[in-house]
């Protein structure tokens, strides 16, 4: 299930931010791990494109 961000990530400095959640597999157990990061909204596509 997706989590909903309650607090806004927009600051008064004029730069918009987005919360990105990436799902990866753990090399030890094989279970899925969710990594959450706050990234500038213009860099979201670049962040998701890298592996």
C-alpha atoms as a PDB file:
ATOM      1  CA  UNK A   1       0.000   0.000   0.000  1.00  0.00           C
ATOM      2  CA  UNK A   2       1.198   3.476  -0.776  1.00  0.00           C
ATOM      3  CA  UNK A   3       1.751   5.946   2.008  1.00  0.00           C
ATOM      4  CA  UNK A   4       0.169   9.372   1.820  1.00  0.00           C
ATOM      5  CA  UNK A   5       2.303  12.379   2.667  1.00  0.00           C
ATOM      6  CA  UNK A   6       0.366  14.546   5.086  1.00  0.00           C
ATOM      7  CA  UNK A   7       2.799  17.426   5.513  1.00  0.00           C
ATOM      8  CA  UNK A   8       3.582  19.476   2.426  1.00  0.00           C
ATOM      9  CA  UNK A   9       7.142  19.393   1.161  1.00  0.00           C
ATOM     10  CA  UNK A  10       7.039  22.862  -0.377  1.00  0.00           C
ATOM     11  CA  UNK A  11       9.253  25.471   1.223  1.00  0.00           C
ATOM     12  CA  UNK A  12       9.259  29.236   0.991  1.00  0.00           C
ATOM     13  CA  UNK A  13      12.594  29.179  -0.874  1.00  0.00           C
ATOM     14  CA  UNK A  14      10.758  28.447  -4.135  1.00  0.00           C
ATOM     15  CA  UNK A  15      12.065  24.916  -4.693  1.00  0.00           C
ATOM     16  CA  UNK A  16       9.548  22.072  -4.747  1.00  0.00           C
ATOM     17  CA  UNK A  17      10.357  18.715  -3.228  1.00  0.00           C
ATOM     18  CA  UNK A  18       8.864  15.259  -3.650  1.00  0.00           C
ATOM     19  CA  UNK A  19       8.999  12.195  -1.432  1.00  0.00           C
ATOM     20  CA  UNK A  20      10.254   9.216  -3.469  1.00  0.00           C
ATOM     21  CA  UNK A  21       9.800   5.639  -2.269  1.00  0.00           C
ATOM     22  CA  UNK A  22      11.896   2.989  -4.011  1.00  0.00           C
ATOM     23  CA  UNK A  23      11.440  -0.758  -3.531  1.00  0.00           C
ATOM     24  CA  UNK A  24      14.600  -2.897  -3.643  1.00  0.00           C
ATOM     25  CA  UNK A  25      15.511  -6.451  -2.713  1.00  0.00           C
ATOM     26  CA  UNK A  26      17.784  -7.195   0.212  1.00  0.00           C
ATOM     27  CA  UNK A  27      20.894  -9.114  -0.855  1.00  0.00           C
ATOM     28  CA  UNK A  28      20.961 -11.051   2.438  1.00  0.00           C
ATOM     29  CA  UNK A  29      17.383 -12.266   2.832  1.00  0.00           C
ATOM     30  CA  UNK A  30      15.746 -11.567  -0.520  1.00  0.00           C
ATOM     31  CA  UNK A  31      12.971  -9.609   1.199  1.00  0.00           C
ATOM     32  CA  UNK A  32      11.847  -6.260  -0.178  1.00  0.00           C
ATOM     33  CA  UNK A  33      13.139  -3.047   1.410  1.00  0.00           C
ATOM     34  CA  UNK A  34      11.510   0.361   0.972  1.00  0.00           C
ATOM     35  CA  UNK A  35      13.869   3.346   0.822  1.00  0.00           C
ATOM     36  CA  UNK A  36      12.322   6.786   1.255  1.00  0.00           C
ATOM     37  CA  UNK A  37      14.087   9.985   0.197  1.00  0.00           C
ATOM     38  CA  UNK A  38      13.094  13.585  -0.333  1.00  0.00           C
ATOM     39  CA  UNK A  39      14.323  14.811  -3.722  1.00  0.00           C
ATOM     40  CA  UNK A  40      13.900  18.056  -5.653  1.00  0.00           C
ATOM     41  CA  UNK A  41      10.938  17.630  -7.987  1.00  0.00           C
ATOM     42  CA  UNK A  42      12.989  18.420 -11.099  1.00  0.00           C
ATOM     43  CA  UNK A  43      15.410  15.566 -10.245  1.00  0.00           C
ATOM     44  CA  UNK A  44      12.800  12.842  -9.617  1.00  0.00           C
ATOM     45  CA  UNK A  45      13.095  11.277 -13.089  1.00  0.00           C
ATOM     46  CA  UNK A  46      16.898  11.156 -12.810  1.00  0.00           C
ATOM     47  CA  UNK A  47      16.675   9.557  -9.365  1.00  0.00           C
ATOM     48  CA  UNK A  48      14.269   6.867 -10.533  1.00  0.00           C
ATOM     49  CA  UNK A  49      16.275   6.189 -13.705  1.00  0.00           C
ATOM     50  CA  UNK A  50      19.445   5.230 -11.798  1.00  0.00           C
ATOM     51  CA  UNK A  51      19.712   1.756 -10.350  1.00  0.00           C
END
